[in-house]
Amino acid sequence: MLGLARALGASVRTLHRYLQRASGETPKHFIERIRFEAARTQLETTAHTVKRLAASAGYADEASFRRAFSRYSGMTPSAYRRWVQARQK
């Protein structure tokens, strides 16, 4: 966030306030949601492993990715992939 704030000529705190006002989310929740959306799209369009998706979405480990994904979608990444594949048939 510091780099982005500097590029915009604002403080980190000001950037956080603007982001919360614009998105209705805290910066942490906003970033988690964006990571989730990126991973969800990859689950729908690729056959990458969950471990690879976790890394590409910016998660340090697969377990934290699985928890975050379940929190946002209500299902595990593997269950979500199966659900998407069943809907496409």
C-alpha atoms as a PDB file:
ATOM      1  CA  MET A   1       0.000   0.000   0.000  1.00  0.00           C
ATOM      2  CA  LEU A   2       2.882   2.342   0.688  1.00  0.00           C
ATOM      3  CA  GLY A   3       4.029   2.291  -2.932  1.00  0.00           C
ATOM      4  CA  LEU A   4       0.518   2.934  -4.201  1.00  0.00           C
ATOM      5  CA  ALA A   5      -0.015   5.750  -1.708  1.00  0.00           C
ATOM      6  CA  ARG A   6       3.255   7.393  -2.762  1.00  0.00           C
ATOM      7  CA  ALA A   7       2.380   7.057  -6.444  1.00  0.00           C
ATOM      8  CA  LEU A   8      -0.926   8.805  -5.760  1.00  0.00           C
ATOM      9  CA  GLY A   9       0.687  11.478  -3.602  1.00  0.00           C
ATOM     10  CA  ALA A  10      -1.299  10.473  -0.521  1.00  0.00           C
ATOM     11  CA  SER A  11      -0.560   8.972   2.857  1.00  0.00           C
ATOM     12  CA  VAL A  12      -1.343   5.322   3.507  1.00  0.00           C
ATOM     13  CA  ARG A  13      -4.050   6.357   5.949  1.00  0.00           C
ATOM     14  CA  THR A  14      -5.675   8.635   3.368  1.00  0.00           C
ATOM     15  CA  LEU A  15      -5.529   5.863   0.782  1.00  0.00           C
ATOM     16  CA  HIS A  16      -7.214   3.497   3.247  1.00  0.00           C
ATOM     17  CA  ARG A  17      -9.999   6.013   3.885  1.00  0.00           C
ATOM     18  CA  TYR A  18     -10.575   6.587   0.157  1.00  0.00           C
ATOM     19  CA  LEU A  19     -10.593   2.855  -0.526  1.00  0.00           C
ATOM     20  CA  GLN A  20     -13.072   2.206   2.274  1.00  0.00           C
ATOM     21  CA  ARG A  21     -15.317   5.024   1.095  1.00  0.00           C
ATOM     22  CA  ALA A  22     -15.231   3.827  -2.521  1.00  0.00           C
ATOM     23  CA  SER A  23     -15.600   0.096  -1.908  1.00  0.00           C
ATOM     24  CA  GLY A  24     -17.358  -0.064   1.436  1.00  0.00           C
ATOM     25  CA  GLU A  25     -14.669  -2.481   2.604  1.00  0.00           C
ATOM     26  CA  THR A  26     -11.563  -2.219   4.696  1.00  0.00           C
ATOM     27  CA  PRO A  27      -8.349  -2.453   2.668  1.00  0.00           C
ATOM     28  CA  LYS A  28      -7.727  -5.942   4.075  1.00  0.00           C
ATOM     29  CA  HIS A  29     -11.168  -7.200   3.009  1.00  0.00           C
ATOM     30  CA  PHE A  30     -10.881  -5.487  -0.367  1.00  0.00           C
ATOM     31  CA  ILE A  31      -7.550  -7.190  -1.095  1.00  0.00           C
ATOM     32  CA  GLU A  32      -8.875 -10.573   0.111  1.00  0.00           C
ATOM     33  CA  ARG A  33     -11.926 -10.242  -2.113  1.00  0.00           C
ATOM     34  CA  ILE A  34      -9.814  -9.352  -5.159  1.00  0.00           C
ATOM     35  CA  ARG A  35      -7.563 -12.342  -4.467  1.00  0.00           C
ATOM     36  CA  PHE A  36     -10.646 -14.550  -4.148  1.00  0.00           C
ATOM     37  CA  GLU A  37     -12.082 -13.267  -7.434  1.00  0.00           C
ATOM     38  CA  ALA A  38      -8.794 -13.933  -9.234  1.00  0.00           C
ATOM     39  CA  ALA A  39      -8.584 -17.456  -7.832  1.00  0.00           C
ATOM     40  CA  ARG A  40     -12.270 -18.126  -8.566  1.00  0.00           C
ATOM     41  CA  THR A  41     -11.762 -17.138 -12.191  1.00  0.00           C
ATOM     42  CA  GLN A  42      -8.730 -19.421 -12.466  1.00  0.00           C
ATOM     43  CA  LEU A  43     -10.668 -22.311 -10.911  1.00  0.00           C
ATOM     44  CA  GLU A  44     -13.313 -21.833 -13.575  1.00  0.00           C
ATOM     45  CA  THR A  45     -10.956 -21.493 -16.536  1.00  0.00           C
ATOM     46  CA  THR A  46      -7.840 -23.566 -15.788  1.00  0.00           C
ATOM     47  CA  ALA A  47      -6.877 -26.968 -14.463  1.00  0.00           C
ATOM     48  CA  HIS A  48      -4.158 -25.553 -12.188  1.00  0.00           C
ATOM     49  CA  THR A  49      -3.723 -27.197  -8.803  1.00  0.00           C
ATOM     50  CA  VAL A  50      -5.081 -25.490  -5.706  1.00  0.00           C
ATOM     51  CA  LYS A  51      -1.509 -25.006  -4.513  1.00  0.00           C
ATOM     52  CA  ARG A  52      -0.625 -23.165  -7.717  1.00  0.00           C
ATOM     53  CA  LEU A  53      -3.791 -21.046  -7.518  1.00  0.00           C
ATOM     54  CA  ALA A  54      -2.998 -20.117  -3.932  1.00  0.00           C
ATOM     55  CA  ALA A  55       0.462 -18.924  -4.905  1.00  0.00           C
ATOM     56  CA  SER A  56      -0.756 -16.988  -7.935  1.00  0.00           C
ATOM     57  CA  ALA A  57      -3.454 -15.287  -5.840  1.00  0.00           C
ATOM     58  CA  GLY A  58      -0.798 -14.128  -3.376  1.00  0.00           C
ATOM     59  CA  TYR A  59      -1.343 -16.530  -0.486  1.00  0.00           C
ATOM     60  CA  ALA A  60       1.701 -17.705   1.444  1.00  0.00           C
ATOM     61  CA  ASP A  61       0.279 -21.183   1.943  1.00  0.00           C
ATOM     62  CA  GLU A  62      -2.455 -23.395   0.612  1.00  0.00           C
ATOM     63  CA  ALA A  63      -4.267 -23.695   3.968  1.00  0.00           C
ATOM     64  CA  SER A  64      -4.832 -19.952   4.322  1.00  0.00           C
ATOM     65  CA  PHE A  65      -6.070 -19.850   0.729  1.00  0.00           C
ATOM     66  CA  ARG A  66      -8.534 -22.672   1.367  1.00  0.00           C
ATOM     67  CA  ARG A  67      -9.884 -20.905   4.485  1.00  0.00           C
ATOM     68  CA  ALA A  68     -10.292 -17.593   2.664  1.00  0.00           C
ATOM     69  CA  PHE A  69     -11.914 -19.242  -0.346  1.00  0.00           C
ATOM     70  CA  SER A  70     -14.378 -21.100   1.868  1.00  0.00           C
ATOM     71  CA  ARG A  71     -15.183 -17.905   3.748  1.00  0.00           C
ATOM     72  CA  TYR A  72     -16.116 -16.088   0.529  1.00  0.00           C
ATOM     73  CA  SER A  73     -17.749 -18.888  -1.438  1.00  0.00           C
ATOM     74  CA  GLY A  74     -19.108 -21.216   1.218  1.00  0.00           C
ATOM     75  CA  MET A  75     -17.319 -24.189  -0.330  1.00  0.00           C
ATOM     76  CA  THR A  76     -13.818 -25.534  -0.779  1.00  0.00           C
ATOM     77  CA  PRO A  77     -11.890 -24.702  -3.957  1.00  0.00           C
ATOM     78  CA  SER A  78     -12.191 -28.306  -5.182  1.00  0.00           C
ATOM     79  CA  ALA A  79     -15.929 -28.401  -4.511  1.00  0.00           C
ATOM     80  CA  TYR A  80     -16.326 -25.083  -6.316  1.00  0.00           C
ATOM     81  CA  ARG A  81     -14.461 -26.408  -9.357  1.00  0.00           C
ATOM     82  CA  ARG A  82     -16.665 -29.524  -9.457  1.00  0.00           C
ATOM     83  CA  TRP A  83     -19.793 -27.355  -9.122  1.00  0.00           C
ATOM     84  CA  VAL A  84     -18.702 -25.133 -12.021  1.00  0.00           C
ATOM     85  CA  GLN A  85     -17.890 -28.137 -14.206  1.00  0.00           C
ATOM     86  CA  ALA A  86     -21.292 -29.710 -13.459  1.00  0.00           C
ATOM     87  CA  ARG A  87     -23.080 -26.472 -14.423  1.00  0.00           C
ATOM     88  CA  GLN A  88     -21.214 -26.284 -17.731  1.00  0.00           C
ATOM     89  CA  LYS A  89     -22.453 -29.709 -18.853  1.00  0.00           C
END
